[in-house]
Amino acid sequence: MVTCGAAAFGFVPRFSVQATLEALHKDFYNLVLLDLREPVHGRRSVVGFERGLALLDAMDQEPDIERRYGSPNLGAGSGQTRRRR
């Protein structure tokens, strides 16, 4: 559990596309967060990045719009790595 003022955030990590889809179809989540940023040392984990894209593709393939995203909010971070000068 992470808190910020009065807000408390709990995380339910899933590490495979199938496990994530099952969780989304079973329970309600206020936010789905995918971290697709470049790593700090400049080497991207191709497996992790591709898995994130595969999850987005799988979610998009769901024919039932109510089950498609499982949650009204979806965020994916893919910002640039900031380098210290």
PDB file of N, CA and C in Angstrom:
ATOM      1  N   MET A   1       0.843  -1.170   0.000  1.00  0.00           N
ATOM      2  CA  MET A   1       0.000   0.000   0.000  1.00  0.00           C
ATOM      3  C   MET A   1       0.893   1.239   0.000  1.00  0.00           C
ATOM      4  N   VAL A   2       0.595   2.169  -0.874  1.00  0.00           N
ATOM      5  CA  VAL A   2       1.313   3.435  -0.962  1.00  0.00           C
ATOM      6  C   VAL A   2       0.315   4.539  -0.638  1.00  0.00           C
ATOM      7  N   THR A   3       0.727   5.484   0.206  1.00  0.00           N
ATOM      8  CA  THR A   3      -0.170   6.580   0.555  1.00  0.00           C
ATOM      9  C   THR A   3       0.424   7.910   0.107  1.00  0.00           C
ATOM     10  N   CYS A   4      -0.470   8.818  -0.224  1.00  0.00           N
ATOM     11  CA  CYS A   4      -0.098  10.181  -0.604  1.00  0.00           C
ATOM     12  C   CYS A   4      -1.186  11.075  -0.037  1.00  0.00           C
ATOM     13  N   GLY A   5      -0.899  11.688   1.102  1.00  0.00           N
ATOM     14  CA  GLY A   5      -1.938  12.455   1.784  1.00  0.00           C
ATOM     15  C   GLY A   5      -3.042  11.519   2.235  1.00  0.00           C
ATOM     16  N   ALA A   6      -4.267  11.838   1.871  1.00  0.00           N
ATOM     17  CA  ALA A   6      -5.410  11.010   2.252  1.00  0.00           C
ATOM     18  C   ALA A   6      -5.640   9.848   1.292  1.00  0.00           C
ATOM     19  N   ALA A   7      -4.953   9.847   0.151  1.00  0.00           N
ATOM     20  CA  ALA A   7      -5.145   8.795  -0.845  1.00  0.00           C
ATOM     21  C   ALA A   7      -4.240   7.602  -0.546  1.00  0.00           C
ATOM     22  N   ALA A   8      -4.791   6.411  -0.706  1.00  0.00           N
ATOM     23  CA  ALA A   8      -4.028   5.177  -0.524  1.00  0.00           C
ATOM     24  C   ALA A   8      -4.153   4.345  -1.798  1.00  0.00           C
ATOM     25  N   PHE A   9      -3.033   3.833  -2.266  1.00  0.00           N
ATOM     26  CA  PHE A   9      -3.006   3.055  -3.490  1.00  0.00           C
ATOM     27  C   PHE A   9      -2.472   1.659  -3.202  1.00  0.00           C
ATOM     28  N   GLY A  10      -3.206   0.649  -3.655  1.00  0.00           N
ATOM     29  CA  GLY A  10      -2.747  -0.725  -3.543  1.00  0.00           C
ATOM     30  C   GLY A  10      -2.421  -1.251  -4.933  1.00  0.00           C
ATOM     31  N   PHE A  11      -1.466  -2.136  -5.019  1.00  0.00           N
ATOM     32  CA  PHE A  11      -1.047  -2.667  -6.307  1.00  0.00           C
ATOM     33  C   PHE A  11      -1.305  -4.168  -6.354  1.00  0.00           C
ATOM     34  N   VAL A  12      -1.696  -4.650  -7.527  1.00  0.00           N
ATOM     35  CA  VAL A  12      -1.921  -6.067  -7.768  1.00  0.00           C
ATOM     36  C   VAL A  12      -1.062  -6.445  -8.977  1.00  0.00           C
ATOM     37  N   PRO A  13       0.231  -6.686  -8.751  1.00  0.00           N
ATOM     38  CA  PRO A  13       1.105  -6.958  -9.896  1.00  0.00           C
ATOM     39  C   PRO A  13       0.807  -8.300 -10.554  1.00  0.00           C
ATOM     40  N   ARG A  14       0.843  -8.296 -11.870  1.00  0.00           N
ATOM     41  CA  ARG A  14       0.703  -9.511 -12.666  1.00  0.00           C
ATOM     42  C   ARG A  14       1.838  -9.493 -13.669  1.00  0.00           C
ATOM     43  N   PHE A  15       2.427 -10.642 -13.950  1.00  0.00           N
ATOM     44  CA  PHE A  15       3.641 -10.679 -14.755  1.00  0.00           C
ATOM     45  C   PHE A  15       3.491 -11.445 -16.059  1.00  0.00           C
ATOM     46  N   SER A  16       2.274 -11.797 -16.412  1.00  0.00           N
ATOM     47  CA  SER A  16       2.045 -12.414 -17.721  1.00  0.00           C
ATOM     48  C   SER A  16       0.776 -11.823 -18.315  1.00  0.00           C
ATOM     49  N   VAL A  17       0.679 -11.897 -19.621  1.00  0.00           N
ATOM     50  CA  VAL A  17      -0.497 -11.369 -20.307  1.00  0.00           C
ATOM     51  C   VAL A  17      -1.747 -12.093 -19.821  1.00  0.00           C
ATOM     52  N   GLN A  18      -1.690 -13.414 -19.772  1.00  0.00           N
ATOM     53  CA  GLN A  18      -2.870 -14.195 -19.380  1.00  0.00           C
ATOM     54  C   GLN A  18      -3.310 -13.883 -17.951  1.00  0.00           C
ATOM     55  N   ALA A  19      -2.374 -13.827 -17.023  1.00  0.00           N
ATOM     56  CA  ALA A  19      -2.721 -13.533 -15.628  1.00  0.00           C
ATOM     57  C   ALA A  19      -3.320 -12.136 -15.491  1.00  0.00           C
ATOM     58  N   THR A  20      -2.806 -11.187 -16.260  1.00  0.00           N
ATOM     59  CA  THR A  20      -3.336  -9.824 -16.214  1.00  0.00           C
ATOM     60  C   THR A  20      -4.744  -9.778 -16.766  1.00  0.00           C
ATOM     61  N   LEU A  21      -4.982 -10.434 -17.892  1.00  0.00           N
ATOM     62  CA  LEU A  21      -6.332 -10.458 -18.470  1.00  0.00           C
ATOM     63  C   LEU A  21      -7.324 -11.120 -17.526  1.00  0.00           C
ATOM     64  N   GLU A  22      -6.915 -12.217 -16.896  1.00  0.00           N
ATOM     65  CA  GLU A  22      -7.801 -12.892 -15.945  1.00  0.00           C
ATOM     66  C   GLU A  22      -8.159 -11.974 -14.783  1.00  0.00           C
ATOM     67  N   ALA A  23      -7.178 -11.248 -14.259  1.00  0.00           N
ATOM     68  CA  ALA A  23      -7.438 -10.321 -13.155  1.00  0.00           C
ATOM     69  C   ALA A  23      -8.384  -9.210 -13.598  1.00  0.00           C
ATOM     70  N   LEU A  24      -8.179  -8.669 -14.800  1.00  0.00           N
ATOM     71  CA  LEU A  24      -9.028  -7.588 -15.300  1.00  0.00           C
ATOM     72  C   LEU A  24     -10.459  -8.049 -15.517  1.00  0.00           C
ATOM     73  N   HIS A  25     -10.628  -9.286 -15.937  1.00  0.00           N
ATOM     74  CA  HIS A  25     -11.970  -9.805 -16.181  1.00  0.00           C
ATOM     75  C   HIS A  25     -12.670 -10.230 -14.897  1.00  0.00           C
ATOM     76  N   LYS A  26     -11.901 -10.523 -13.865  1.00  0.00           N
ATOM     77  CA  LYS A  26     -12.474 -11.003 -12.605  1.00  0.00           C
ATOM     78  C   LYS A  26     -12.832  -9.858 -11.653  1.00  0.00           C
ATOM     79  N   ASP A  27     -11.967  -8.875 -11.527  1.00  0.00           N
ATOM     80  CA  ASP A  27     -12.133  -7.816 -10.536  1.00  0.00           C
ATOM     81  C   ASP A  27     -12.191  -6.448 -11.201  1.00  0.00           C
ATOM     82  N   PHE A  28     -12.550  -5.438 -10.420  1.00  0.00           N
ATOM     83  CA  PHE A  28     -12.584  -4.060 -10.907  1.00  0.00           C
ATOM     84  C   PHE A  28     -11.352  -3.322 -10.411  1.00  0.00           C
ATOM     85  N   TYR A  29     -10.736  -2.562 -11.296  1.00  0.00           N
ATOM     86  CA  TYR A  29      -9.571  -1.762 -10.938  1.00  0.00           C
ATOM     87  C   TYR A  29      -9.809  -0.326 -11.397  1.00  0.00           C
ATOM     88  N   ASN A  30      -9.411   0.617 -10.574  1.00  0.00           N
ATOM     89  CA  ASN A  30      -9.552   2.018 -10.936  1.00  0.00           C
ATOM     90  C   ASN A  30      -8.494   2.456 -11.934  1.00  0.00           C
ATOM     91  N   LEU A  31      -7.398   1.735 -11.989  1.00  0.00           N
ATOM     92  CA  LEU A  31      -6.298   2.138 -12.864  1.00  0.00           C
ATOM     93  C   LEU A  31      -5.483   0.921 -13.255  1.00  0.00           C
ATOM     94  N   VAL A  32      -5.111   0.854 -14.515  1.00  0.00           N
ATOM     95  CA  VAL A  32      -4.179  -0.155 -15.008  1.00  0.00           C
ATOM     96  C   VAL A  32      -2.937   0.615 -15.432  1.00  0.00           C
ATOM     97  N   LEU A  33      -1.799   0.257 -14.885  1.00  0.00           N
ATOM     98  CA  LEU A  33      -0.568   0.993 -15.145  1.00  0.00           C
ATOM     99  C   LEU A  33       0.483   0.072 -15.738  1.00  0.00           C
ATOM    100  N   LEU A  34       0.988   0.443 -16.903  1.00  0.00           N
ATOM    101  CA  LEU A  34       2.076  -0.290 -17.548  1.00  0.00           C
ATOM    102  C   LEU A  34       3.284   0.628 -17.611  1.00  0.00           C
ATOM    103  N   ASP A  35       4.419   0.152 -17.179  1.00  0.00           N
ATOM    104  CA  ASP A  35       5.639   0.936 -17.242  1.00  0.00           C
ATOM    105  C   ASP A  35       6.424   0.499 -18.471  1.00  0.00           C
ATOM    106  N   LEU A  36       6.381   1.316 -19.521  1.00  0.00           N
ATOM    107  CA  LEU A  36       7.080   1.006 -20.767  1.00  0.00           C
ATOM    108  C   LEU A  36       8.254   1.948 -20.999  1.00  0.00           C
ATOM    109  N   ARG A  37       8.741   2.555 -19.925  1.00  0.00           N
ATOM    110  CA  ARG A  37       9.868   3.486 -20.051  1.00  0.00           C
ATOM    111  C   ARG A  37      11.163   2.757 -20.361  1.00  0.00           C
ATOM    112  N   GLU A  38      12.099   3.517 -20.908  1.00  0.00           N
ATOM    113  CA  GLU A  38      13.446   3.000 -21.102  1.00  0.00           C
ATOM    114  C   GLU A  38      14.100   2.862 -19.724  1.00  0.00           C
ATOM    115  N   PRO A  39      14.896   1.836 -19.511  1.00  0.00           N
ATOM    116  CA  PRO A  39      15.579   1.689 -18.225  1.00  0.00           C
ATOM    117  C   PRO A  39      16.665   2.755 -18.050  1.00  0.00           C
ATOM    118  N   VAL A  40      17.104   2.926 -16.831  1.00  0.00           N
ATOM    119  CA  VAL A  40      18.069   3.965 -16.481  1.00  0.00           C
ATOM    120  C   VAL A  40      19.392   3.806 -17.223  1.00  0.00           C
ATOM    121  N   HIS A  41      19.854   2.614 -17.400  1.00  0.00           N
ATOM    122  CA  HIS A  41      21.177   2.389 -17.986  1.00  0.00           C
ATOM    123  C   HIS A  41      21.157   2.228 -19.505  1.00  0.00           C
ATOM    124  N   GLY A  42      20.044   2.589 -20.137  1.00  0.00           N
ATOM    125  CA  GLY A  42      19.987   2.604 -21.596  1.00  0.00           C
ATOM    126  C   GLY A  42      19.720   1.280 -22.272  1.00  0.00           C
ATOM    127  N   ARG A  43      19.609   0.197 -21.518  1.00  0.00           N
ATOM    128  CA  ARG A  43      19.306  -1.100 -22.125  1.00  0.00           C
ATOM    129  C   ARG A  43      17.873  -1.464 -21.792  1.00  0.00           C
ATOM    130  N   ARG A  44      17.058  -1.574 -22.807  1.00  0.00           N
ATOM    131  CA  ARG A  44      15.658  -1.911 -22.601  1.00  0.00           C
ATOM    132  C   ARG A  44      15.511  -3.429 -22.524  1.00  0.00           C
ATOM    133  N   SER A  45      14.685  -3.873 -21.601  1.00  0.00           N
ATOM    134  CA  SER A  45      14.354  -5.285 -21.544  1.00  0.00           C
ATOM    135  C   SER A  45      13.361  -5.555 -22.672  1.00  0.00           C
ATOM    136  N   VAL A  46      13.832  -6.156 -23.743  1.00  0.00           N
ATOM    137  CA  VAL A  46      12.974  -6.414 -24.894  1.00  0.00           C
ATOM    138  C   VAL A  46      11.791  -7.276 -24.473  1.00  0.00           C
ATOM    139  N   VAL A  47      12.036  -8.247 -23.618  1.00  0.00           N
ATOM    140  CA  VAL A  47      10.969  -9.140 -23.176  1.00  0.00           C
ATOM    141  C   VAL A  47       9.886  -8.362 -22.439  1.00  0.00           C
ATOM    142  N   GLY A  48      10.279  -7.524 -21.491  1.00  0.00           N
ATOM    143  CA  GLY A  48       9.297  -6.751 -20.727  1.00  0.00           C
ATOM    144  C   GLY A  48       8.530  -5.773 -21.585  1.00  0.00           C
ATOM    145  N   PHE A  49       9.228  -5.091 -22.483  1.00  0.00           N
ATOM    146  CA  PHE A  49       8.587  -4.126 -23.370  1.00  0.00           C
ATOM    147  C   PHE A  49       7.614  -4.837 -24.306  1.00  0.00           C
ATOM    148  N   GLU A  50       8.052  -5.928 -24.911  1.00  0.00           N
ATOM    149  CA  GLU A  50       7.188  -6.693 -25.824  1.00  0.00           C
ATOM    150  C   GLU A  50       5.987  -7.282 -25.089  1.00  0.00           C
ATOM    151  N   ARG A  51       6.189  -7.706 -23.838  1.00  0.00           N
ATOM    152  CA  ARG A  51       5.083  -8.244 -23.051  1.00  0.00           C
ATOM    153  C   ARG A  51       4.035  -7.152 -22.802  1.00  0.00           C
ATOM    154  N   GLY A  52       4.485  -5.930 -22.538  1.00  0.00           N
ATOM    155  CA  GLY A  52       3.557  -4.820 -22.345  1.00  0.00           C
ATOM    156  C   GLY A  52       2.746  -4.538 -23.594  1.00  0.00           C
ATOM    157  N   LEU A  53       3.413  -4.540 -24.746  1.00  0.00           N
ATOM    158  CA  LEU A  53       2.700  -4.329 -26.001  1.00  0.00           C
ATOM    159  C   LEU A  53       1.753  -5.486 -26.305  1.00  0.00           C
ATOM    160  N   ALA A  54       2.171  -6.705 -25.980  1.00  0.00           N
ATOM    161  CA  ALA A  54       1.302  -7.874 -26.195  1.00  0.00           C
ATOM    162  C   ALA A  54       0.047  -7.775 -25.335  1.00  0.00           C
ATOM    163  N   LEU A  55       0.195  -7.264 -24.114  1.00  0.00           N
ATOM    164  CA  LEU A  55      -0.972  -7.086 -23.248  1.00  0.00           C
ATOM    165  C   LEU A  55      -1.935  -6.070 -23.863  1.00  0.00           C
ATOM    166  N   LEU A  56      -1.410  -4.950 -24.335  1.00  0.00           N
ATOM    167  CA  LEU A  56      -2.277  -3.944 -24.958  1.00  0.00           C
ATOM    168  C   LEU A  56      -2.985  -4.522 -26.188  1.00  0.00           C
ATOM    169  N   ASP A  57      -2.262  -5.301 -26.986  1.00  0.00           N
ATOM    170  CA  ASP A  57      -2.876  -5.942 -28.154  1.00  0.00           C
ATOM    171  C   ASP A  57      -3.974  -6.910 -27.732  1.00  0.00           C
ATOM    172  N   ALA A  58      -3.711  -7.717 -26.702  1.00  0.00           N
ATOM    173  CA  ALA A  58      -4.702  -8.688 -26.227  1.00  0.00           C
ATOM    174  C   ALA A  58      -5.938  -7.983 -25.687  1.00  0.00           C
ATOM    175  N   MET A  59      -5.730  -6.896 -24.961  1.00  0.00           N
ATOM    176  CA  MET A  59      -6.865  -6.140 -24.430  1.00  0.00           C
ATOM    177  C   MET A  59      -7.690  -5.563 -25.575  1.00  0.00           C
ATOM    178  N   ASP A  60      -7.028  -5.116 -26.627  1.00  0.00           N
ATOM    179  CA  ASP A  60      -7.708  -4.522 -27.767  1.00  0.00           C
ATOM    180  C   ASP A  60      -8.471  -5.565 -28.582  1.00  0.00           C
ATOM    181  N   GLN A  61      -8.066  -6.832 -28.517  1.00  0.00           N
ATOM    182  CA  GLN A  61      -8.715  -7.896 -29.283  1.00  0.00           C
ATOM    183  C   GLN A  61     -10.015  -8.397 -28.649  1.00  0.00           C
ATOM    184  N   GLU A  62     -10.247  -8.064 -27.400  1.00  0.00           N
ATOM    185  CA  GLU A  62     -11.469  -8.515 -26.703  1.00  0.00           C
ATOM    186  C   GLU A  62     -12.694  -7.942 -27.419  1.00  0.00           C
ATOM    187  N   PRO A  63     -13.587  -8.807 -27.935  1.00  0.00           N
ATOM    188  CA  PRO A  63     -14.746  -8.315 -28.680  1.00  0.00           C
ATOM    189  C   PRO A  63     -15.797  -7.618 -27.796  1.00  0.00           C
ATOM    190  N   ASP A  64     -15.889  -8.009 -26.539  1.00  0.00           N
ATOM    191  CA  ASP A  64     -16.869  -7.418 -25.625  1.00  0.00           C
ATOM    192  C   ASP A  64     -16.297  -6.124 -25.057  1.00  0.00           C
ATOM    193  N   ILE A  65     -16.855  -4.993 -25.462  1.00  0.00           N
ATOM    194  CA  ILE A  65     -16.316  -3.693 -25.064  1.00  0.00           C
ATOM    195  C   ILE A  65     -16.311  -3.519 -23.544  1.00  0.00           C
ATOM    196  N   GLU A  66     -17.252  -4.126 -22.837  1.00  0.00           N
ATOM    197  CA  GLU A  66     -17.303  -4.034 -21.377  1.00  0.00           C
ATOM    198  C   GLU A  66     -16.148  -4.777 -20.720  1.00  0.00           C
ATOM    199  N   ARG A  67     -15.671  -5.823 -21.371  1.00  0.00           N
ATOM    200  CA  ARG A  67     -14.557  -6.609 -20.823  1.00  0.00           C
ATOM    201  C   ARG A  67     -13.210  -6.174 -21.394  1.00  0.00           C
ATOM    202  N   ARG A  68     -13.245  -5.377 -22.447  1.00  0.00           N
ATOM    203  CA  ARG A  68     -12.024  -5.055 -23.186  1.00  0.00           C
ATOM    204  C   ARG A  68     -10.920  -4.519 -22.286  1.00  0.00           C
ATOM    205  N   TYR A  69     -11.222  -3.514 -21.532  1.00  0.00           N
ATOM    206  CA  TYR A  69     -10.191  -2.910 -20.702  1.00  0.00           C
ATOM    207  C   TYR A  69     -10.373  -3.214 -19.232  1.00  0.00           C
ATOM    208  N   GLY A  70     -11.503  -3.730 -18.847  1.00  0.00           N
ATOM    209  CA  GLY A  70     -11.710  -4.164 -17.471  1.00  0.00           C
ATOM    210  C   GLY A  70     -11.722  -3.026 -16.474  1.00  0.00           C
ATOM    211  N   SER A  71     -11.445  -1.842 -16.911  1.00  0.00           N
ATOM    212  CA  SER A  71     -11.296  -0.712 -16.015  1.00  0.00           C
ATOM    213  C   SER A  71     -11.452   0.562 -16.834  1.00  0.00           C
ATOM    214  N   PRO A  72     -12.033   1.594 -16.263  1.00  0.00           N
ATOM    215  CA  PRO A  72     -12.230   2.821 -17.028  1.00  0.00           C
ATOM    216  C   PRO A  72     -10.961   3.631 -17.252  1.00  0.00           C
ATOM    217  N   ASN A  73      -9.904   3.331 -16.542  1.00  0.00           N
ATOM    218  CA  ASN A  73      -8.674   4.116 -16.654  1.00  0.00           C
ATOM    219  C   ASN A  73      -7.503   3.235 -17.035  1.00  0.00           C
ATOM    220  N   LEU A  74      -6.736   3.669 -18.007  1.00  0.00           N
ATOM    221  CA  LEU A  74      -5.570   2.919 -18.453  1.00  0.00           C
ATOM    222  C   LEU A  74      -4.435   3.900 -18.680  1.00  0.00           C
ATOM    223  N   GLY A  75      -3.279   3.616 -18.098  1.00  0.00           N
ATOM    224  CA  GLY A  75      -2.123   4.489 -18.297  1.00  0.00           C
ATOM    225  C   GLY A  75      -0.913   3.667 -18.671  1.00  0.00           C
ATOM    226  N   ALA A  76      -0.126   4.188 -19.576  1.00  0.00           N
ATOM    227  CA  ALA A  76       1.115   3.526 -19.972  1.00  0.00           C
ATOM    228  C   ALA A  76       2.214   4.570 -20.017  1.00  0.00           C
ATOM    229  N   GLY A  77       3.278   4.346 -19.281  1.00  0.00           N
ATOM    230  CA  GLY A  77       4.394   5.292 -19.277  1.00  0.00           C
ATOM    231  C   GLY A  77       5.455   4.867 -20.264  1.00  0.00           C
ATOM    232  N   SER A  78       5.826   5.772 -21.137  1.00  0.00           N
ATOM    233  CA  SER A  78       6.887   5.459 -22.100  1.00  0.00           C
ATOM    234  C   SER A  78       7.804   6.661 -22.306  1.00  0.00           C
ATOM    235  N   GLY A  79       7.995   7.445 -21.255  1.00  0.00           N
ATOM    236  CA  GLY A  79       8.790   8.662 -21.342  1.00  0.00           C
ATOM    237  C   GLY A  79      10.270   8.397 -21.546  1.00  0.00           C
ATOM    238  N   GLN A  80      10.963   9.427 -21.935  1.00  0.00           N
ATOM    239  CA  GLN A  80      12.401   9.344 -22.146  1.00  0.00           C
ATOM    240  C   GLN A  80      13.127   9.241 -20.810  1.00  0.00           C
ATOM    241  N   THR A  81      14.228   8.523 -20.800  1.00  0.00           N
ATOM    242  CA  THR A  81      15.084   8.458 -19.620  1.00  0.00           C
ATOM    243  C   THR A  81      15.826   9.784 -19.496  1.00  0.00           C
ATOM    244  N   ARG A  82      15.823  10.338 -18.330  1.00  0.00           N
ATOM    245  CA  ARG A  82      16.543  11.598 -18.118  1.00  0.00           C
ATOM    246  C   ARG A  82      17.960  11.286 -17.669  1.00  0.00           C
ATOM    247  N   ARG A  83      18.904  11.920 -18.290  1.00  0.00           N
ATOM    248  CA  ARG A  83      20.310  11.701 -17.944  1.00  0.00           C
ATOM    249  C   ARG A  83      20.799  12.835 -17.069  1.00  0.00           C
ATOM    250  N   ARG A  84      21.581  12.479 -16.063  1.00  0.00           N
ATOM    251  CA  ARG A  84      22.187  13.491 -15.201  1.00  0.00           C
ATOM    252  C   ARG A  84      23.354  14.118 -15.939  1.00  0.00           C
ATOM    253  N   ARG A  85      23.503  15.422 -15.734  1.00  0.00           N
ATOM    254  CA  ARG A  85      24.616  16.150 -16.378  1.00  0.00           C
ATOM    255  C   ARG A  85      25.674  16.460 -15.395  1.00  0.00           C
TER     256      ARG A  85
END
